[in-house]
N, C-alpha and C. Protein backbone atom coordinates (compact mmCIF):
# COMPACT_ATOMS: atom_id res chain seq x y z
N UNK A 1 18.51 -41.48 -4.29
CA UNK A 1 18.89 -42.39 -3.24
C UNK A 1 18.35 -43.78 -3.57
N UNK A 2 19.16 -44.76 -3.35
CA UNK A 2 18.75 -46.13 -3.59
C UNK A 2 17.59 -46.48 -2.65
N UNK A 3 16.62 -47.22 -3.17
CA UNK A 3 15.41 -47.50 -2.39
C UNK A 3 15.70 -48.32 -1.14
N UNK A 4 16.60 -49.28 -1.23
CA UNK A 4 16.94 -50.10 -0.07
C UNK A 4 17.52 -49.24 1.05
N UNK A 5 18.36 -48.31 0.69
CA UNK A 5 18.93 -47.39 1.68
C UNK A 5 17.86 -46.51 2.28
N UNK A 6 16.93 -46.04 1.46
CA UNK A 6 15.81 -45.24 1.95
C UNK A 6 14.99 -46.03 2.97
N UNK A 7 14.71 -47.30 2.68
CA UNK A 7 13.92 -48.14 3.60
C UNK A 7 14.64 -48.29 4.92
N UNK A 8 15.95 -48.50 4.88
CA UNK A 8 16.71 -48.67 6.12
C UNK A 8 16.70 -47.39 6.95
N UNK A 9 16.88 -46.26 6.33
CA UNK A 9 16.91 -44.98 7.05
C UNK A 9 15.53 -44.65 7.60
N UNK A 10 14.50 -44.77 6.77
CA UNK A 10 13.15 -44.42 7.24
C UNK A 10 12.67 -45.40 8.31
N UNK A 11 13.04 -46.65 8.20
CA UNK A 11 12.67 -47.62 9.24
C UNK A 11 13.38 -47.32 10.55
N UNK A 12 14.60 -46.84 10.47
CA UNK A 12 15.32 -46.43 11.67
C UNK A 12 14.65 -45.25 12.36
N UNK A 13 14.14 -44.32 11.56
CA UNK A 13 13.44 -43.18 12.14
C UNK A 13 12.13 -43.64 12.77
N UNK A 14 11.40 -44.52 12.08
CA UNK A 14 10.14 -45.02 12.63
C UNK A 14 10.39 -45.85 13.90
N UNK A 15 11.54 -46.50 13.99
CA UNK A 15 11.88 -47.30 15.18
C UNK A 15 12.02 -46.45 16.44
N UNK A 16 12.31 -45.18 16.28
CA UNK A 16 12.47 -44.30 17.44
C UNK A 16 11.14 -44.11 18.17
N UNK A 17 10.04 -44.02 17.43
CA UNK A 17 8.74 -43.75 18.03
C UNK A 17 8.27 -44.85 19.00
N UNK A 18 8.34 -46.13 18.63
CA UNK A 18 7.92 -47.14 19.62
C UNK A 18 8.85 -47.24 20.82
N UNK A 19 10.13 -46.92 20.64
CA UNK A 19 11.03 -46.93 21.79
C UNK A 19 10.62 -45.87 22.79
N UNK A 20 10.30 -44.68 22.31
CA UNK A 20 9.81 -43.62 23.21
C UNK A 20 8.46 -44.01 23.80
N UNK A 21 7.63 -44.67 23.01
CA UNK A 21 6.34 -45.14 23.51
C UNK A 21 6.51 -46.16 24.63
N UNK A 22 7.51 -46.99 24.55
CA UNK A 22 7.78 -47.95 25.63
C UNK A 22 8.24 -47.23 26.90
N UNK A 23 8.98 -46.16 26.74
CA UNK A 23 9.36 -45.36 27.91
C UNK A 23 8.12 -44.74 28.54
N UNK A 24 7.23 -44.22 27.71
CA UNK A 24 5.97 -43.67 28.22
C UNK A 24 5.11 -44.76 28.87
N UNK A 25 5.20 -45.98 28.36
CA UNK A 25 4.46 -47.10 28.96
C UNK A 25 4.96 -47.35 30.38
N UNK A 26 6.26 -47.26 30.58
CA UNK A 26 6.80 -47.43 31.92
C UNK A 26 6.34 -46.34 32.87
N UNK A 27 6.26 -45.13 32.37
CA UNK A 27 5.79 -44.02 33.20
C UNK A 27 4.30 -44.18 33.50
N UNK A 28 3.52 -44.53 32.47
CA UNK A 28 2.07 -44.69 32.66
C UNK A 28 1.76 -45.89 33.54
N UNK A 29 2.62 -46.92 33.49
CA UNK A 29 2.41 -48.12 34.29
C UNK A 29 2.37 -47.79 35.78
N UNK A 30 3.20 -46.85 36.20
CA UNK A 30 3.23 -46.51 37.63
C UNK A 30 1.96 -45.77 38.06
N UNK A 31 1.29 -45.12 37.14
CA UNK A 31 0.07 -44.41 37.47
C UNK A 31 -1.16 -45.30 37.33
N UNK A 32 -1.19 -46.13 36.28
CA UNK A 32 -2.33 -47.02 36.03
C UNK A 32 -1.82 -48.22 35.24
N UNK A 33 -1.90 -49.38 35.81
CA UNK A 33 -1.36 -50.58 35.19
C UNK A 33 -2.02 -50.88 33.84
N UNK A 34 -3.31 -50.71 33.75
CA UNK A 34 -4.03 -51.03 32.52
C UNK A 34 -3.64 -50.08 31.39
N UNK A 35 -3.44 -48.83 31.70
CA UNK A 35 -2.96 -47.88 30.69
C UNK A 35 -1.57 -48.28 30.22
N UNK A 36 -0.72 -48.65 31.15
CA UNK A 36 0.63 -49.09 30.80
C UNK A 36 0.63 -50.31 29.91
N UNK A 37 -0.30 -51.23 30.15
CA UNK A 37 -0.39 -52.44 29.32
C UNK A 37 -0.75 -52.08 27.88
N UNK A 38 -1.68 -51.17 27.70
CA UNK A 38 -2.07 -50.74 26.35
C UNK A 38 -0.89 -50.07 25.65
N UNK A 39 -0.21 -49.16 26.34
CA UNK A 39 0.96 -48.49 25.76
C UNK A 39 2.02 -49.52 25.41
N UNK A 40 2.24 -50.46 26.31
CA UNK A 40 3.26 -51.49 26.12
C UNK A 40 2.93 -52.37 24.91
N UNK A 41 1.69 -52.79 24.80
CA UNK A 41 1.30 -53.66 23.69
C UNK A 41 1.49 -52.96 22.34
N UNK A 42 1.05 -51.73 22.25
CA UNK A 42 1.18 -51.00 20.99
C UNK A 42 2.65 -50.73 20.68
N UNK A 43 3.41 -50.34 21.68
CA UNK A 43 4.83 -50.06 21.47
C UNK A 43 5.63 -51.28 21.07
N UNK A 44 5.37 -52.41 21.72
CA UNK A 44 6.13 -53.63 21.41
C UNK A 44 5.81 -54.13 20.01
N UNK A 45 4.54 -54.12 19.64
CA UNK A 45 4.17 -54.60 18.31
C UNK A 45 4.76 -53.70 17.22
N UNK A 46 4.73 -52.39 17.44
CA UNK A 46 5.34 -51.49 16.46
C UNK A 46 6.85 -51.70 16.39
N UNK A 47 7.47 -51.86 17.53
CA UNK A 47 8.92 -52.06 17.57
C UNK A 47 9.33 -53.34 16.85
N UNK A 48 8.65 -54.42 17.15
CA UNK A 48 8.96 -55.69 16.50
C UNK A 48 8.66 -55.61 15.00
N UNK A 49 7.54 -54.97 14.66
CA UNK A 49 7.18 -54.83 13.25
C UNK A 49 8.22 -54.11 12.43
N UNK A 50 8.83 -53.08 12.99
CA UNK A 50 9.85 -52.35 12.24
C UNK A 50 11.23 -52.97 12.38
N UNK A 51 11.53 -53.58 13.49
CA UNK A 51 12.87 -54.17 13.67
C UNK A 51 13.07 -55.38 12.76
N UNK A 52 12.02 -56.10 12.46
CA UNK A 52 12.14 -57.29 11.62
C UNK A 52 12.34 -56.99 10.15
N UNK A 53 12.20 -55.73 9.76
CA UNK A 53 12.40 -55.41 8.35
C UNK A 53 13.87 -55.52 7.95
N UNK A 54 14.77 -55.25 8.88
CA UNK A 54 16.20 -55.27 8.55
C UNK A 54 16.69 -56.66 8.13
N UNK A 55 16.41 -57.72 8.89
CA UNK A 55 16.86 -59.02 8.39
C UNK A 55 16.10 -59.50 7.15
N UNK A 56 14.87 -59.04 6.97
CA UNK A 56 14.10 -59.48 5.81
C UNK A 56 14.57 -58.88 4.51
N UNK A 57 15.13 -57.66 4.55
CA UNK A 57 15.61 -57.04 3.32
C UNK A 57 17.12 -57.10 3.20
N UNK A 58 17.77 -57.74 4.15
CA UNK A 58 19.23 -57.78 4.20
C UNK A 58 19.89 -58.23 2.91
N UNK A 59 19.52 -59.39 2.40
CA UNK A 59 20.18 -59.94 1.21
C UNK A 59 19.36 -59.79 -0.06
N UNK A 60 18.20 -59.21 0.05
CA UNK A 60 17.35 -59.03 -1.13
C UNK A 60 17.88 -57.87 -1.96
N UNK A 61 17.96 -58.08 -3.26
CA UNK A 61 18.46 -57.02 -4.15
C UNK A 61 17.38 -56.48 -5.08
N UNK A 62 16.31 -57.22 -5.27
CA UNK A 62 15.25 -56.79 -6.17
C UNK A 62 14.43 -55.68 -5.51
N UNK A 63 14.32 -54.56 -6.18
CA UNK A 63 13.64 -53.38 -5.62
C UNK A 63 12.17 -53.65 -5.33
N UNK A 64 11.50 -54.37 -6.22
CA UNK A 64 10.08 -54.63 -6.00
C UNK A 64 9.87 -55.50 -4.77
N UNK A 65 10.73 -56.47 -4.54
CA UNK A 65 10.61 -57.34 -3.37
C UNK A 65 10.88 -56.55 -2.08
N UNK A 66 11.83 -55.65 -2.12
CA UNK A 66 12.10 -54.78 -0.97
C UNK A 66 10.89 -53.90 -0.71
N UNK A 67 10.29 -53.39 -1.76
CA UNK A 67 9.09 -52.57 -1.63
C UNK A 67 7.93 -53.33 -1.02
N UNK A 68 7.75 -54.59 -1.43
CA UNK A 68 6.67 -55.40 -0.87
C UNK A 68 6.89 -55.65 0.62
N UNK A 69 8.10 -55.90 1.03
CA UNK A 69 8.39 -56.12 2.45
C UNK A 69 8.22 -54.81 3.23
N UNK A 70 8.59 -53.71 2.61
CA UNK A 70 8.40 -52.40 3.23
C UNK A 70 6.91 -52.13 3.46
N UNK A 71 6.10 -52.49 2.49
CA UNK A 71 4.65 -52.31 2.62
C UNK A 71 4.11 -53.13 3.78
N UNK A 72 4.54 -54.38 3.89
CA UNK A 72 4.05 -55.25 4.96
C UNK A 72 4.37 -54.67 6.33
N UNK A 73 5.59 -54.25 6.54
CA UNK A 73 5.99 -53.76 7.85
C UNK A 73 5.37 -52.39 8.17
N UNK A 74 5.25 -51.56 7.17
CA UNK A 74 4.67 -50.25 7.42
C UNK A 74 3.17 -50.32 7.65
N UNK A 75 2.50 -51.34 7.08
CA UNK A 75 1.08 -51.53 7.38
C UNK A 75 0.89 -51.86 8.86
N UNK A 76 1.76 -52.68 9.41
CA UNK A 76 1.68 -53.02 10.83
C UNK A 76 1.81 -51.76 11.68
N UNK A 77 2.82 -50.96 11.39
CA UNK A 77 3.04 -49.75 12.17
C UNK A 77 1.90 -48.76 11.98
N UNK A 78 1.44 -48.62 10.76
CA UNK A 78 0.35 -47.68 10.50
C UNK A 78 -0.93 -48.10 11.22
N UNK A 79 -1.28 -49.35 11.16
CA UNK A 79 -2.52 -49.79 11.80
C UNK A 79 -2.44 -49.69 13.32
N UNK A 80 -1.30 -50.02 13.89
CA UNK A 80 -1.15 -49.86 15.34
C UNK A 80 -1.06 -48.40 15.74
N UNK A 81 -0.54 -47.56 14.86
CA UNK A 81 -0.53 -46.13 15.13
C UNK A 81 -1.92 -45.54 15.16
N UNK A 82 -2.77 -45.98 14.24
CA UNK A 82 -4.16 -45.53 14.25
C UNK A 82 -4.87 -46.02 15.51
N UNK A 83 -4.57 -47.25 15.92
CA UNK A 83 -5.13 -47.77 17.16
C UNK A 83 -4.70 -46.92 18.35
N UNK A 84 -3.43 -46.57 18.39
CA UNK A 84 -2.93 -45.72 19.47
C UNK A 84 -3.58 -44.35 19.46
N UNK A 85 -3.76 -43.78 18.29
CA UNK A 85 -4.42 -42.47 18.20
C UNK A 85 -5.85 -42.55 18.74
N UNK A 86 -6.53 -43.63 18.47
CA UNK A 86 -7.90 -43.79 18.93
C UNK A 86 -7.98 -44.04 20.43
N UNK A 87 -6.99 -44.72 20.98
CA UNK A 87 -7.09 -45.14 22.37
C UNK A 87 -6.42 -44.20 23.37
N UNK A 88 -5.33 -43.57 23.00
CA UNK A 88 -4.55 -42.83 23.99
C UNK A 88 -5.27 -41.61 24.55
N UNK A 89 -6.10 -40.97 23.77
CA UNK A 89 -6.83 -39.81 24.27
C UNK A 89 -8.26 -40.14 24.68
N UNK A 90 -8.65 -41.39 24.53
CA UNK A 90 -10.01 -41.80 24.92
C UNK A 90 -10.11 -41.82 26.44
N UNK A 91 -11.28 -41.56 26.97
CA UNK A 91 -11.43 -41.49 28.43
C UNK A 91 -11.61 -42.87 29.09
N UNK A 92 -10.90 -43.89 28.59
CA UNK A 92 -11.01 -45.21 29.18
C UNK A 92 -10.32 -45.29 30.53
N UNK A 93 -9.21 -44.60 30.64
CA UNK A 93 -8.38 -44.71 31.83
C UNK A 93 -8.16 -43.33 32.43
N UNK A 94 -8.16 -43.25 33.72
CA UNK A 94 -7.90 -41.99 34.40
C UNK A 94 -6.41 -41.89 34.68
N UNK A 95 -5.76 -40.95 34.04
CA UNK A 95 -4.34 -40.73 34.25
C UNK A 95 -4.19 -39.36 34.88
N UNK A 96 -3.32 -39.25 35.86
CA UNK A 96 -3.16 -37.99 36.57
C UNK A 96 -2.70 -36.87 35.65
N UNK A 97 -1.73 -37.15 34.82
CA UNK A 97 -1.17 -36.14 33.94
C UNK A 97 -1.66 -36.37 32.52
N UNK A 98 -2.02 -35.31 31.85
CA UNK A 98 -2.46 -35.43 30.45
C UNK A 98 -1.28 -35.33 29.50
N UNK A 99 -0.09 -35.05 30.01
CA UNK A 99 1.08 -34.93 29.14
C UNK A 99 1.44 -36.27 28.51
N UNK A 100 1.31 -37.35 29.25
CA UNK A 100 1.68 -38.67 28.73
C UNK A 100 0.76 -39.09 27.58
N UNK A 101 -0.56 -39.01 27.73
CA UNK A 101 -1.41 -39.39 26.58
C UNK A 101 -1.21 -38.50 25.36
N UNK A 102 -0.99 -37.20 25.56
CA UNK A 102 -0.76 -36.32 24.42
C UNK A 102 0.56 -36.63 23.74
N UNK A 103 1.58 -36.95 24.52
CA UNK A 103 2.87 -37.32 23.94
C UNK A 103 2.74 -38.62 23.15
N UNK A 104 2.05 -39.61 23.71
CA UNK A 104 1.85 -40.88 23.02
C UNK A 104 1.02 -40.68 21.75
N UNK A 105 0.00 -39.84 21.82
CA UNK A 105 -0.82 -39.53 20.65
C UNK A 105 0.03 -38.89 19.56
N UNK A 106 0.89 -37.97 19.93
CA UNK A 106 1.77 -37.30 18.97
C UNK A 106 2.73 -38.29 18.32
N UNK A 107 3.27 -39.19 19.12
CA UNK A 107 4.16 -40.22 18.56
C UNK A 107 3.42 -41.10 17.56
N UNK A 108 2.19 -41.44 17.89
CA UNK A 108 1.40 -42.27 16.97
C UNK A 108 1.07 -41.52 15.69
N UNK A 109 0.74 -40.25 15.80
CA UNK A 109 0.47 -39.45 14.60
C UNK A 109 1.72 -39.41 13.72
N UNK A 110 2.88 -39.20 14.33
CA UNK A 110 4.12 -39.17 13.55
C UNK A 110 4.41 -40.51 12.88
N UNK A 111 4.18 -41.60 13.60
CA UNK A 111 4.43 -42.91 13.00
C UNK A 111 3.43 -43.21 11.88
N UNK A 112 2.18 -42.77 12.04
CA UNK A 112 1.18 -42.96 10.98
C UNK A 112 1.56 -42.17 9.73
N UNK A 113 1.96 -40.93 9.91
CA UNK A 113 2.31 -40.09 8.77
C UNK A 113 3.54 -40.64 8.05
N UNK A 114 4.57 -40.99 8.81
CA UNK A 114 5.79 -41.50 8.18
C UNK A 114 5.56 -42.87 7.54
N UNK A 115 4.79 -43.72 8.18
CA UNK A 115 4.48 -45.03 7.58
C UNK A 115 3.63 -44.87 6.33
N UNK A 116 2.70 -43.94 6.36
CA UNK A 116 1.90 -43.67 5.17
C UNK A 116 2.76 -43.17 4.02
N UNK A 117 3.72 -42.31 4.33
CA UNK A 117 4.63 -41.84 3.28
C UNK A 117 5.51 -42.98 2.77
N UNK A 118 5.94 -43.86 3.67
CA UNK A 118 6.73 -45.01 3.24
C UNK A 118 5.93 -45.94 2.34
N UNK A 119 4.64 -46.10 2.63
CA UNK A 119 3.78 -46.89 1.75
C UNK A 119 3.69 -46.26 0.37
N UNK A 120 3.49 -44.95 0.35
CA UNK A 120 3.42 -44.22 -0.91
C UNK A 120 4.72 -44.37 -1.70
N UNK A 121 5.83 -44.21 -1.01
CA UNK A 121 7.14 -44.30 -1.65
C UNK A 121 7.39 -45.72 -2.18
N UNK A 122 6.98 -46.74 -1.43
CA UNK A 122 7.18 -48.12 -1.89
C UNK A 122 6.36 -48.41 -3.13
N UNK A 123 5.16 -47.87 -3.19
CA UNK A 123 4.30 -48.11 -4.35
C UNK A 123 4.80 -47.34 -5.56
N UNK A 124 5.22 -46.10 -5.37
CA UNK A 124 5.64 -45.30 -6.52
C UNK A 124 7.06 -45.61 -6.97
N UNK A 125 7.99 -45.74 -6.04
CA UNK A 125 9.39 -45.94 -6.41
C UNK A 125 9.73 -47.39 -6.72
N UNK A 126 9.15 -48.32 -5.97
CA UNK A 126 9.51 -49.73 -6.14
C UNK A 126 8.43 -50.51 -6.88
N UNK A 127 7.32 -49.89 -7.21
CA UNK A 127 6.20 -50.57 -7.86
C UNK A 127 5.71 -51.77 -7.05
N UNK A 128 5.68 -51.57 -5.72
CA UNK A 128 5.23 -52.63 -4.81
C UNK A 128 3.71 -52.69 -4.79
N UNK A 129 3.21 -53.83 -4.33
CA UNK A 129 1.75 -53.97 -4.15
C UNK A 129 1.38 -53.32 -2.83
N UNK A 130 0.21 -52.75 -2.77
CA UNK A 130 -0.26 -52.10 -1.55
C UNK A 130 -1.04 -53.06 -0.67
N UNK A 131 -1.13 -54.29 -1.06
CA UNK A 131 -1.83 -55.30 -0.26
C UNK A 131 -0.81 -56.18 0.42
N UNK A 132 -1.21 -56.71 1.56
CA UNK A 132 -0.29 -57.57 2.31
C UNK A 132 -0.57 -59.01 1.96
């Protein structure tokens, strides 16, 4: 599979996680505003981080340059995913239902794993730099 096509497909899959996280932010907002703000901040930054990859790689044809841009965007998602994993199950906020924090934690774990794999793939397949 061509690397540019792989980046577009995997970025589309990663884009699903922050969208669901934003839905969970709306649900958590009704129970605790501060919890909703944290969910919203992490979800929006992840969503913007992955959505901006499409125009950035649109006209680029060089595989290494696509890999470097892939690394930049996946670092954003990975770092915010780790932040979400650390915060969503922490006892900072009292939420009535534990289903929402566990669902958000699971989404963050999935985004961290997939972003980590995308970083690996960009370095091995496109010979991209792992630094931003």
